[in-house]
N, C-alpha and C. Protein backbone atom coordinates (compact mmCIF):
# COMPACT_ATOMS: atom_id res chain seq x y z
N UNK A 1 -45.90 -17.63 16.16
CA UNK A 1 -45.79 -16.78 15.25
C UNK A 1 -45.23 -15.44 15.44
N UNK A 2 -45.69 -14.94 16.63
CA UNK A 2 -45.17 -13.70 17.12
C UNK A 2 -43.77 -13.58 17.32
N UNK A 3 -43.22 -14.65 17.82
CA UNK A 3 -41.72 -14.93 18.08
C UNK A 3 -40.92 -14.83 16.78
N UNK A 4 -41.43 -15.43 15.75
CA UNK A 4 -40.73 -15.42 14.47
C UNK A 4 -40.80 -14.09 13.90
N UNK A 5 -41.73 -13.27 13.91
CA UNK A 5 -41.72 -11.90 13.32
C UNK A 5 -40.76 -11.06 14.12
N UNK A 6 -40.73 -11.19 15.40
CA UNK A 6 -39.71 -10.45 16.19
C UNK A 6 -38.26 -10.83 15.86
N UNK A 7 -38.04 -12.07 15.63
CA UNK A 7 -36.76 -12.49 15.15
C UNK A 7 -36.46 -11.82 13.76
N UNK A 8 -37.31 -11.83 12.86
CA UNK A 8 -37.18 -11.34 11.56
C UNK A 8 -36.93 -9.79 11.72
N UNK A 9 -37.73 -9.17 12.58
CA UNK A 9 -37.52 -7.56 12.72
C UNK A 9 -36.24 -7.31 13.34
N UNK A 10 -35.82 -8.04 14.29
CA UNK A 10 -34.51 -8.07 14.82
C UNK A 10 -33.32 -7.95 13.79
N UNK A 11 -33.47 -8.97 13.03
CA UNK A 11 -32.28 -9.33 12.05
C UNK A 11 -32.25 -8.07 11.03
N UNK A 12 -33.53 -7.53 10.52
CA UNK A 12 -33.59 -6.62 9.63
C UNK A 12 -33.06 -5.30 10.36
N UNK A 13 -33.52 -4.96 11.58
CA UNK A 13 -32.91 -4.01 12.29
C UNK A 13 -31.36 -3.87 12.44
N UNK A 14 -30.94 -4.98 12.89
CA UNK A 14 -29.45 -5.18 12.85
C UNK A 14 -28.82 -4.91 11.55
N UNK A 15 -29.43 -5.45 10.48
CA UNK A 15 -28.66 -5.32 9.33
C UNK A 15 -28.78 -3.89 8.83
N UNK A 16 -29.87 -3.22 8.96
CA UNK A 16 -29.95 -1.69 8.62
C UNK A 16 -28.95 -0.79 9.46
N UNK A 17 -28.89 -1.16 10.76
CA UNK A 17 -28.00 -0.48 11.59
C UNK A 17 -26.55 -0.56 11.08
N UNK A 18 -26.24 -1.82 10.91
CA UNK A 18 -24.80 -1.88 10.42
C UNK A 18 -24.59 -1.17 8.98
N UNK A 19 -25.55 -0.99 8.19
CA UNK A 19 -25.50 -0.34 6.96
C UNK A 19 -25.54 1.15 7.10
N UNK A 20 -26.09 1.62 8.19
CA UNK A 20 -26.29 3.17 8.43
C UNK A 20 -24.95 3.76 8.83
N UNK A 21 -24.04 2.87 9.33
CA UNK A 21 -22.71 3.53 9.86
C UNK A 21 -21.99 3.81 8.53
N UNK A 22 -21.32 5.03 8.61
CA UNK A 22 -20.62 5.45 7.58
C UNK A 22 -19.13 4.83 7.69
N UNK A 23 -18.56 4.50 6.47
CA UNK A 23 -17.14 3.81 6.43
C UNK A 23 -16.14 4.68 6.95
N UNK A 24 -16.11 5.99 6.42
CA UNK A 24 -15.12 6.92 6.85
C UNK A 24 -15.10 7.18 8.46
N UNK A 25 -16.25 7.22 8.96
CA UNK A 25 -16.40 7.51 10.41
C UNK A 25 -15.81 6.26 11.25
N UNK A 26 -16.01 5.02 10.65
CA UNK A 26 -15.57 3.90 11.27
C UNK A 26 -14.09 3.73 11.18
N UNK A 27 -13.69 3.83 9.93
CA UNK A 27 -12.19 3.63 9.64
C UNK A 27 -11.24 4.59 10.17
N UNK A 28 -11.57 5.87 10.00
CA UNK A 28 -10.73 7.04 10.43
C UNK A 28 -11.51 7.90 11.30
N UNK A 29 -11.76 7.67 12.52
CA UNK A 29 -12.59 8.58 13.26
C UNK A 29 -11.66 9.81 13.60
N UNK A 30 -10.51 9.78 13.37
CA UNK A 30 -9.69 11.12 13.71
C UNK A 30 -9.74 12.15 12.60
N UNK A 31 -10.34 11.86 11.38
CA UNK A 31 -10.67 12.66 10.37
C UNK A 31 -12.04 13.58 10.44
N UNK A 32 -12.71 13.13 11.51
CA UNK A 32 -14.01 13.96 11.72
C UNK A 32 -13.80 15.36 12.02
N UNK A 33 -14.57 16.16 11.57
CA UNK A 33 -14.39 17.65 11.91
C UNK A 33 -13.77 18.38 10.67
N UNK A 34 -13.38 17.71 9.63
CA UNK A 34 -12.67 18.45 8.54
C UNK A 34 -13.82 19.06 7.78
N UNK A 35 -13.55 20.24 7.05
CA UNK A 35 -14.56 21.02 6.30
C UNK A 35 -14.43 20.67 4.83
N UNK A 36 -13.28 20.65 4.31
CA UNK A 36 -13.03 20.43 3.03
C UNK A 36 -11.65 19.67 2.70
N UNK A 37 -11.41 19.35 1.50
CA UNK A 37 -10.14 18.62 1.16
C UNK A 37 -10.47 17.67 0.03
N UNK A 38 -9.38 16.86 -0.31
CA UNK A 38 -9.58 15.95 -1.31
C UNK A 38 -10.32 14.63 -0.76
N UNK A 39 -11.21 14.14 -1.59
CA UNK A 39 -11.96 12.99 -1.24
C UNK A 39 -11.08 11.73 -1.23
N UNK A 40 -11.02 10.92 -0.21
CA UNK A 40 -10.42 9.60 -0.03
C UNK A 40 -11.07 8.69 -0.98
N UNK A 41 -10.47 8.09 -1.92
CA UNK A 41 -11.19 7.18 -2.97
C UNK A 41 -11.46 5.89 -2.33
N UNK A 42 -10.83 5.33 -1.34
CA UNK A 42 -10.94 4.15 -0.70
C UNK A 42 -12.45 4.28 0.19
N UNK A 43 -12.45 5.39 0.75
CA UNK A 43 -13.64 5.43 1.57
C UNK A 43 -15.01 5.74 0.67
N UNK A 44 -14.73 6.54 -0.37
CA UNK A 44 -15.79 6.63 -1.33
C UNK A 44 -16.20 5.39 -2.00
N UNK A 45 -15.44 4.49 -2.27
CA UNK A 45 -15.51 3.17 -2.86
C UNK A 45 -16.24 2.33 -1.90
N UNK A 46 -15.88 2.49 -0.60
CA UNK A 46 -16.55 1.62 0.23
C UNK A 46 -18.01 2.03 0.49
N UNK A 47 -18.16 3.19 0.50
CA UNK A 47 -19.63 3.84 0.56
C UNK A 47 -20.36 3.44 -0.65
N UNK A 48 -19.80 3.38 -1.73
CA UNK A 48 -20.36 3.04 -2.96
C UNK A 48 -20.84 1.65 -3.02
N UNK A 49 -20.06 0.73 -2.38
CA UNK A 49 -20.54 -0.63 -2.25
C UNK A 49 -21.84 -0.77 -1.51
N UNK A 50 -21.92 0.16 -0.38
CA UNK A 50 -23.07 0.12 0.51
C UNK A 50 -24.21 0.54 -0.34
N UNK A 51 -24.03 1.33 -1.33
CA UNK A 51 -25.24 1.58 -2.34
C UNK A 51 -25.59 0.46 -3.15
N UNK A 52 -24.65 -0.39 -3.48
CA UNK A 52 -25.08 -1.66 -4.37
C UNK A 52 -25.88 -2.55 -3.56
N UNK A 53 -25.61 -2.70 -2.17
CA UNK A 53 -26.45 -3.59 -1.49
C UNK A 53 -27.59 -3.01 -0.96
N UNK A 54 -27.71 -1.88 -0.42
CA UNK A 54 -28.91 -1.22 0.09
C UNK A 54 -28.67 0.24 -0.24
N UNK A 55 -29.64 0.66 -1.28
CA UNK A 55 -29.45 2.05 -1.70
C UNK A 55 -29.55 3.23 -0.65
N UNK A 56 -30.62 3.12 0.12
CA UNK A 56 -30.83 4.17 1.10
C UNK A 56 -29.70 4.24 2.19
N UNK A 57 -29.47 3.20 2.78
CA UNK A 57 -28.32 3.12 3.81
C UNK A 57 -26.99 3.53 3.20
N UNK A 58 -26.70 3.20 1.86
CA UNK A 58 -25.51 3.66 1.35
C UNK A 58 -25.35 5.10 1.01
N UNK A 59 -26.54 5.77 0.70
CA UNK A 59 -26.73 7.25 0.39
C UNK A 59 -26.50 7.91 1.87
N UNK A 60 -27.07 7.30 2.88
CA UNK A 60 -26.96 7.95 4.13
C UNK A 60 -25.37 7.77 4.72
N UNK A 61 -24.77 6.75 4.34
CA UNK A 61 -23.27 6.56 4.63
C UNK A 61 -22.54 7.67 3.94
N UNK A 62 -22.89 8.01 2.75
CA UNK A 62 -22.16 9.10 2.06
C UNK A 62 -22.50 10.30 2.78
N UNK A 63 -23.72 10.62 3.08
CA UNK A 63 -24.05 11.87 3.73
C UNK A 63 -23.58 12.09 5.03
N UNK A 64 -23.27 10.93 5.90
CA UNK A 64 -22.64 11.03 7.18
C UNK A 64 -21.14 11.39 7.12
N UNK A 65 -20.52 10.75 6.09
CA UNK A 65 -19.22 11.04 5.82
C UNK A 65 -18.88 12.45 5.38
N UNK A 66 -19.87 12.93 4.51
CA UNK A 66 -19.48 14.24 4.07
C UNK A 66 -19.83 15.33 5.15
N UNK A 67 -20.89 14.93 5.92
CA UNK A 67 -21.31 15.80 7.06
C UNK A 67 -20.18 15.85 8.16
N UNK A 68 -19.70 14.74 8.54
CA UNK A 68 -18.63 14.62 9.51
C UNK A 68 -17.27 15.05 9.03
N UNK A 69 -17.03 15.00 7.60
CA UNK A 69 -15.74 15.28 7.19
C UNK A 69 -14.79 14.05 7.09
N UNK A 70 -15.35 12.80 7.47
CA UNK A 70 -14.24 11.77 7.53
C UNK A 70 -14.06 11.27 6.10
N UNK A 71 -14.74 11.71 5.08
CA UNK A 71 -14.50 11.29 3.78
C UNK A 71 -13.39 11.93 3.16
N UNK A 72 -12.95 13.10 3.74
CA UNK A 72 -11.68 13.75 3.26
C UNK A 72 -10.42 13.26 3.71
N UNK A 73 -9.40 13.20 2.82
CA UNK A 73 -8.08 12.94 3.21
C UNK A 73 -7.46 13.94 4.08
N UNK A 74 -6.63 13.57 5.15
CA UNK A 74 -6.14 14.57 6.01
C UNK A 74 -5.33 15.73 5.36
N UNK A 75 -5.46 16.86 5.97
CA UNK A 75 -4.96 18.07 5.33
C UNK A 75 -3.47 17.85 4.76
N UNK A 76 -2.93 18.32 3.60
CA UNK A 76 -1.75 18.11 3.07
C UNK A 76 -1.47 16.69 2.52
N UNK A 77 -2.45 15.77 2.45
CA UNK A 77 -2.10 14.66 1.95
C UNK A 77 -2.89 14.36 0.63
N UNK A 78 -2.41 13.72 -0.32
CA UNK A 78 -3.06 13.36 -1.55
C UNK A 78 -3.15 11.97 -1.75
N UNK A 79 -3.92 11.32 -2.72
CA UNK A 79 -4.01 10.00 -3.03
C UNK A 79 -3.15 9.60 -4.26
N UNK A 80 -2.32 10.49 -4.61
CA UNK A 80 -1.36 10.22 -5.77
C UNK A 80 -0.14 10.88 -5.56
N UNK A 81 0.79 10.64 -6.41
CA UNK A 81 2.18 10.90 -6.40
C UNK A 81 2.43 11.83 -7.64
N UNK A 82 3.29 12.89 -7.45
CA UNK A 82 3.53 13.74 -8.56
C UNK A 82 4.13 13.12 -9.72
N UNK A 83 3.58 13.28 -11.03
CA UNK A 83 4.20 12.63 -12.05
C UNK A 83 5.64 12.93 -12.54
N UNK A 84 6.00 14.31 -11.99
CA UNK A 84 7.34 14.73 -12.19
C UNK A 84 8.36 13.95 -11.37
N UNK A 85 7.93 13.43 -10.15
CA UNK A 85 8.78 12.58 -9.31
C UNK A 85 8.85 11.23 -9.91
N UNK A 86 7.76 10.80 -10.50
CA UNK A 86 7.80 9.41 -10.96
C UNK A 86 8.80 9.45 -12.29
N UNK A 87 8.79 10.35 -12.99
CA UNK A 87 9.54 10.62 -14.21
C UNK A 87 11.07 10.30 -13.95
N UNK A 88 11.56 10.77 -12.72
CA UNK A 88 12.87 10.71 -12.40
C UNK A 88 13.31 9.32 -12.00
N UNK A 89 12.21 8.48 -11.82
CA UNK A 89 12.71 6.91 -11.37
C UNK A 89 12.80 6.08 -12.54
N UNK A 90 12.50 6.53 -13.78
CA UNK A 90 12.58 5.80 -14.94
C UNK A 90 14.05 5.95 -15.48
N UNK A 91 14.73 4.80 -15.63
CA UNK A 91 16.09 4.71 -16.11
C UNK A 91 16.13 4.89 -17.58
N UNK A 92 17.45 4.91 -18.15
CA UNK A 92 17.67 5.13 -19.52
C UNK A 92 16.98 3.84 -20.34
N UNK A 93 17.00 2.72 -19.71
CA UNK A 93 16.56 1.53 -20.48
C UNK A 93 14.86 1.39 -20.46
N UNK A 94 14.33 2.37 -19.61
CA UNK A 94 12.78 2.58 -19.74
C UNK A 94 12.23 1.79 -18.45
N UNK A 95 12.97 1.21 -17.51
CA UNK A 95 12.57 0.39 -16.40
C UNK A 95 12.74 1.23 -15.30
N UNK A 96 11.65 0.89 -14.29
CA UNK A 96 11.54 1.72 -13.10
C UNK A 96 12.41 1.11 -12.01
N UNK A 97 13.06 2.01 -11.32
CA UNK A 97 13.92 1.64 -10.10
C UNK A 97 12.99 1.26 -8.96
N UNK A 98 12.95 0.07 -8.59
CA UNK A 98 12.12 -0.42 -7.54
C UNK A 98 12.49 0.07 -6.08
N UNK A 99 13.85 0.11 -5.88
CA UNK A 99 14.05 0.82 -4.52
C UNK A 99 13.76 2.22 -4.45
N UNK A 100 14.04 2.96 -5.55
CA UNK A 100 13.69 4.51 -5.69
C UNK A 100 12.11 4.60 -5.51
N UNK A 101 11.46 3.82 -6.17
CA UNK A 101 9.90 3.94 -6.11
C UNK A 101 9.39 3.61 -4.69
N UNK A 102 9.97 2.50 -4.12
CA UNK A 102 9.65 2.31 -2.70
C UNK A 102 9.92 3.39 -1.83
N UNK A 103 11.12 3.98 -1.87
CA UNK A 103 11.39 5.18 -1.19
C UNK A 103 10.51 6.34 -1.29
N UNK A 104 10.21 6.54 -2.51
CA UNK A 104 9.34 7.73 -2.95
C UNK A 104 7.93 7.49 -2.33
N UNK A 105 7.36 6.32 -2.45
CA UNK A 105 6.10 5.95 -1.89
C UNK A 105 6.14 6.19 -0.35
N UNK A 106 7.12 5.77 0.32
CA UNK A 106 7.34 5.78 1.74
C UNK A 106 7.32 7.28 2.28
N UNK A 107 8.23 8.22 1.51
CA UNK A 107 8.25 9.44 1.93
C UNK A 107 6.92 10.31 1.58
N UNK A 108 6.28 9.95 0.48
CA UNK A 108 5.11 10.62 0.04
C UNK A 108 3.87 10.30 1.02
N UNK A 109 3.83 8.96 1.42
CA UNK A 109 2.62 8.60 2.08
C UNK A 109 2.73 8.11 3.50
N UNK A 110 3.99 7.73 3.76
CA UNK A 110 4.25 7.30 5.09
C UNK A 110 4.04 5.84 5.31
N UNK A 111 3.67 5.09 4.14
CA UNK A 111 3.45 3.69 4.07
C UNK A 111 4.48 2.91 3.60
N UNK A 112 4.95 1.73 4.09
CA UNK A 112 5.91 0.95 3.43
C UNK A 112 5.19 -0.09 2.55
N UNK A 113 5.43 -0.26 1.29
CA UNK A 113 4.84 -1.28 0.49
C UNK A 113 6.00 -2.22 0.18
N UNK A 114 5.59 -3.72 0.23
CA UNK A 114 6.62 -4.65 -0.03
C UNK A 114 6.64 -4.80 -1.54
N UNK A 115 7.50 -3.95 -2.19
CA UNK A 115 7.62 -4.04 -3.57
C UNK A 115 8.47 -5.15 -4.10
N UNK A 116 9.27 -5.88 -2.94
CA UNK A 116 10.05 -6.93 -3.50
C UNK A 116 9.35 -8.33 -3.10
N UNK A 117 7.97 -8.25 -2.74
CA UNK A 117 7.36 -9.38 -2.40
C UNK A 117 7.14 -10.15 -3.74
N UNK A 118 7.40 -11.56 -3.71
CA UNK A 118 7.31 -12.40 -4.96
C UNK A 118 5.88 -12.53 -5.46
N UNK A 119 4.81 -12.25 -4.61
CA UNK A 119 3.39 -12.26 -4.99
C UNK A 119 3.01 -10.93 -5.79
N UNK A 120 3.81 -10.04 -5.82
CA UNK A 120 3.50 -8.77 -6.64
C UNK A 120 3.37 -9.00 -7.94
N UNK A 121 2.22 -8.45 -8.51
CA UNK A 121 1.96 -8.56 -10.06
C UNK A 121 2.09 -7.14 -10.60
N UNK A 122 3.03 -7.04 -11.56
CA UNK A 122 3.28 -5.89 -12.28
C UNK A 122 2.83 -5.92 -13.72
N UNK A 123 1.86 -4.69 -13.86
CA UNK A 123 1.47 -4.55 -15.25
C UNK A 123 2.25 -3.27 -16.07
N UNK A 124 2.38 -3.54 -17.18
CA UNK A 124 2.96 -2.28 -17.89
C UNK A 124 1.83 -1.48 -18.45
N UNK A 125 1.98 -0.23 -18.71
CA UNK A 125 0.97 0.84 -19.03
C UNK A 125 1.22 0.88 -20.45
N UNK A 126 0.07 1.43 -21.12
CA UNK A 126 0.25 1.83 -22.54
C UNK A 126 0.88 3.00 -22.81
N UNK A 127 1.28 3.36 -24.09
CA UNK A 127 1.81 4.59 -24.53
C UNK A 127 0.97 5.88 -24.13
N UNK A 128 -0.35 5.55 -24.37
CA UNK A 128 -1.43 6.66 -24.10
C UNK A 128 -1.41 7.02 -22.44
N UNK A 129 -1.35 5.93 -21.73
CA UNK A 129 -1.19 6.22 -20.29
C UNK A 129 0.00 7.06 -19.86
N UNK A 130 1.01 6.73 -20.49
CA UNK A 130 2.16 7.41 -20.04
C UNK A 130 2.34 8.86 -20.57
N UNK A 131 1.82 8.94 -21.94
CA UNK A 131 1.63 10.47 -22.42
C UNK A 131 0.68 11.33 -21.61
N UNK A 132 -0.19 10.71 -20.92
CA UNK A 132 -1.23 11.43 -20.19
C UNK A 132 -0.52 12.09 -18.92
N UNK A 133 0.64 11.35 -18.48
CA UNK A 133 1.30 11.94 -17.30
C UNK A 133 2.63 12.65 -17.88
N UNK A 134 2.69 12.83 -19.03
CA UNK A 134 3.81 13.56 -19.67
C UNK A 134 5.10 12.82 -19.72
N UNK A 135 4.93 11.46 -19.65
CA UNK A 135 6.20 10.54 -19.63
C UNK A 135 6.33 9.98 -21.13
N UNK A 136 7.60 9.86 -21.55
CA UNK A 136 7.81 9.45 -22.84
C UNK A 136 8.26 7.86 -22.73
N UNK A 137 7.54 6.87 -23.53
CA UNK A 137 7.90 5.55 -23.38
C UNK A 137 9.25 5.21 -24.01
N UNK A 138 9.99 4.37 -23.32
CA UNK A 138 11.22 4.07 -23.91
C UNK A 138 11.07 2.71 -24.64
N UNK A 139 11.65 2.67 -25.77
CA UNK A 139 11.46 1.37 -26.60
C UNK A 139 12.62 0.47 -26.44
C-alpha cells in the first residue's frame, strides 16, 4: 500500500511540475529579461490552454512568463501586418497576388510560408471584415 501511494504522489508531482513551467520561457528563452512590449498571442494561448487543464499551474505559467518577459514579442516585432501594405496586394479584379503576399510576410516576419502548398485552405472574408481594415471589396 505504501509503494502505491508513493507512485501516485510521484505521478502527481511530475504532472504538476510539467504544468508549472511557463510556455514562453520554454519556447523562447532568448526573450527573457524584456520589461514590456506586445504580447505574443501564441504564448498567451498556450498558457491559456494550461488554465483549461489545471487552473493554478496555468495561472502560475502566466505569472512566470510576465515576470520573466518571455510572453512579449521581441522589440520591434509585431504579430500583424500593416493593412496599408496589404491593400497594395489586391489587384483590380479583387484577388490577392500570392507571390507578393509571400514576399511581404517574409520581409515583415522573417518566416517563409508555403502559400503554394496544395494543402493550403483559403477562406474569403466578409465585407465587414474588409471595411474594418479600410479595404474596399471588389465585386
